[in-house]
């Protein structure tokens, strides 16, 4: 399970070094094979270990290509999916089209989300966190049934 956020830098070739604390488990679980795709709701990328991505692909195969909304989701997620392989130094290459989608330049954030990572530009991440904190401070937000029973 991936958790926590870390500031990273992209090198001149568009590679990032996966934080050391995740490298061993990624090599054991998926031999460093991962898949990038876009987040369709946020200006970030999603990075899945291959076994987790295969679960997503299986779900996508059950959607109908005749239903416009389902076809759109398939097109966006699968059309932007890029395989990547972690090298011996723990680096992965992010394709230019994916970097452009998330406006990734030099300073980025990698954010663990249990079964996947989110990759954000540092500026977009800071803006998103500020927006999320502000929304949580509002008392007028309706909580889902699951959140009503959630406690820390």
Protein backbone atom coordinates (compact mmCIF):
# COMPACT_ATOMS: atom_id res chain seq x y z
CA UNK A 1 0.00 0.00 0.00
CA UNK A 2 1.29 3.40 -0.96
CA UNK A 3 0.82 6.39 1.31
CA UNK A 4 2.40 9.74 1.92
CA UNK A 5 3.52 12.54 -0.38
CA UNK A 6 7.03 13.30 -1.54
CA UNK A 7 8.54 16.14 -3.53
CA UNK A 8 10.60 14.94 -6.50
CA UNK A 9 12.36 16.41 -9.49
CA UNK A 10 12.09 15.32 -13.09
CA UNK A 11 15.39 15.05 -14.90
CA UNK A 12 16.00 16.56 -18.34
CA UNK A 13 14.76 13.37 -20.02
CA UNK A 14 11.42 13.41 -18.15
CA UNK A 15 12.34 10.67 -15.67
CA UNK A 16 11.54 10.57 -11.99
CA UNK A 17 13.14 8.47 -9.29
CA UNK A 18 10.59 6.47 -7.34
CA UNK A 19 11.12 7.05 -3.60
CA UNK A 20 13.38 4.40 -2.13
CA UNK A 21 10.79 3.17 0.36
CA UNK A 22 8.60 1.88 -2.51
CA UNK A 23 11.22 0.39 -4.80
CA UNK A 24 11.64 -3.00 -3.14
CA UNK A 25 7.93 -3.72 -2.97
CA UNK A 26 7.46 -2.59 -6.58
CA UNK A 27 10.23 -4.93 -7.71
CA UNK A 28 8.74 -7.83 -5.73
CA UNK A 29 5.11 -7.20 -6.67
CA UNK A 30 5.44 -6.30 -10.34
CA UNK A 31 9.14 -6.48 -11.27
CA UNK A 32 9.08 -2.69 -11.66
CA UNK A 33 6.43 -2.83 -14.39
CA UNK A 34 3.91 -0.02 -14.05
CA UNK A 35 1.30 1.83 -16.09
CA UNK A 36 0.63 5.56 -16.30
CA UNK A 37 -2.68 7.07 -17.32
CA UNK A 38 -4.44 10.37 -16.85
CA UNK A 39 -6.81 11.28 -14.05
CA UNK A 40 -10.00 12.34 -15.82
CA UNK A 41 -11.17 14.59 -12.97
CA UNK A 42 -7.91 16.19 -11.78
CA UNK A 43 -4.82 17.68 -13.48
CA UNK A 44 -2.59 14.79 -12.43
CA UNK A 45 -1.40 11.40 -13.59
CA UNK A 46 -2.14 8.01 -12.09
CA UNK A 47 0.64 5.44 -11.79
CA UNK A 48 -0.38 1.83 -11.17
CA UNK A 49 1.73 -1.24 -10.51
CA UNK A 50 0.92 -3.58 -13.41
CA UNK A 51 -1.23 -6.03 -11.36
CA UNK A 52 -3.40 -3.15 -10.12
CA UNK A 53 -3.73 -1.74 -13.64
CA UNK A 54 -4.82 -5.15 -14.93
CA UNK A 55 -7.76 -4.98 -12.49
CA UNK A 56 -8.73 -1.60 -13.98
CA UNK A 57 -8.41 -2.99 -17.51
CA UNK A 58 -10.65 -5.91 -16.62
CA UNK A 59 -13.30 -3.48 -15.36
CA UNK A 60 -12.95 -1.42 -18.54
CA UNK A 61 -13.52 -4.49 -20.71
CA UNK A 62 -16.95 -4.94 -19.12
CA UNK A 63 -18.07 -1.50 -20.33
CA UNK A 64 -20.04 -1.16 -23.54
CA UNK A 65 -18.42 0.51 -26.52
CA UNK A 66 -21.96 1.38 -27.65
CA UNK A 67 -22.66 3.55 -24.59
CA UNK A 68 -21.13 7.01 -25.20
CA UNK A 69 -20.15 7.66 -21.56
CA UNK A 70 -18.61 4.21 -21.14
CA UNK A 71 -16.79 4.47 -24.46
CA UNK A 72 -15.47 7.90 -23.49
CA UNK A 73 -14.04 6.51 -20.24
CA UNK A 74 -12.37 3.64 -22.12
CA UNK A 75 -10.95 6.04 -24.69
CA UNK A 76 -9.53 8.42 -22.10
CA UNK A 77 -8.03 5.86 -19.72
CA UNK A 78 -6.81 3.30 -22.25
CA UNK A 79 -5.85 5.85 -24.88
CA UNK A 80 -3.53 7.57 -22.44
CA UNK A 81 -2.21 4.40 -20.79
CA UNK A 82 1.58 4.03 -21.09
CA UNK A 83 3.61 1.09 -19.86
CA UNK A 84 6.78 1.97 -18.01
CA UNK A 85 9.59 -0.04 -16.49
CA UNK A 86 11.51 1.05 -13.42
CA UNK A 87 15.24 0.94 -14.22
CA UNK A 88 18.00 -0.31 -11.89
CA UNK A 89 18.24 3.19 -10.37
CA UNK A 90 14.51 3.28 -9.54
CA UNK A 91 13.68 5.72 -12.34
CA UNK A 92 10.71 5.72 -14.69
CA UNK A 93 10.19 7.73 -17.84
CA UNK A 94 7.04 9.81 -18.20
CA UNK A 95 5.93 10.25 -21.82
CA UNK A 96 5.81 13.87 -23.05
CA UNK A 97 2.04 13.74 -23.72
CA UNK A 98 1.41 12.63 -20.15
CA UNK A 99 3.74 15.29 -18.74
CA UNK A 100 1.82 17.87 -20.77
CA UNK A 101 -1.57 16.66 -19.46
CA UNK A 102 -0.51 17.19 -15.84
CA UNK A 103 1.70 20.23 -16.60
CA UNK A 104 4.69 18.41 -15.12
CA UNK A 105 7.93 20.31 -15.37
CA UNK A 106 10.82 20.14 -12.92
CA UNK A 107 9.20 20.01 -9.47
CA UNK A 108 6.54 17.36 -8.95
CA UNK A 109 4.76 15.55 -6.14
CA UNK A 110 4.19 11.82 -5.91
CA UNK A 111 1.25 10.98 -3.66
CA UNK A 112 0.46 7.47 -2.42
CA UNK A 113 -3.18 6.48 -2.78
CA UNK A 114 -3.08 2.93 -1.38
CA UNK A 115 -3.02 0.90 -4.64
CA UNK A 116 -1.62 3.62 -6.92
CA UNK A 117 0.26 6.91 -7.00
CA UNK A 118 -0.89 10.33 -8.16
CA UNK A 119 1.70 12.57 -9.83
CA UNK A 120 1.08 16.32 -9.63
CA UNK A 121 2.99 19.42 -10.52
CA UNK A 122 4.10 20.90 -7.21
CA UNK A 123 2.05 24.08 -7.81
CA UNK A 124 -1.13 22.16 -8.72
CA UNK A 125 -0.69 19.90 -5.66
CA UNK A 126 -0.37 22.88 -3.30
CA UNK A 127 -3.43 24.48 -4.88
CA UNK A 128 -5.44 21.24 -4.62
CA UNK A 129 -4.53 20.74 -0.96
CA UNK A 130 -5.51 24.34 -0.13
CA UNK A 131 -8.82 23.84 -1.95
CA UNK A 132 -9.46 20.51 -0.21
CA UNK A 133 -8.70 21.98 3.22
CA UNK A 134 -10.99 24.93 2.57
CA UNK A 135 -13.79 22.59 1.48
CA UNK A 136 -13.35 20.50 4.64
CA UNK A 137 -13.64 23.63 6.78
CA UNK A 138 -17.07 24.37 5.32
CA UNK A 139 -19.92 23.14 7.51
CA UNK A 140 -22.45 23.02 4.69
CA UNK A 141 -20.98 20.01 2.90
CA UNK A 142 -23.25 16.99 2.83
CA UNK A 143 -21.41 13.87 3.97
CA UNK A 144 -21.93 10.57 2.20
CA UNK A 145 -23.27 7.73 4.30
CA UNK A 146 -19.79 6.16 4.42
CA UNK A 147 -18.20 9.40 5.63
CA UNK A 148 -20.81 9.88 8.36
CA UNK A 149 -19.49 6.74 10.07
CA UNK A 150 -15.81 7.47 9.43
CA UNK A 151 -13.70 8.57 12.37
CA UNK A 152 -10.02 9.15 13.00
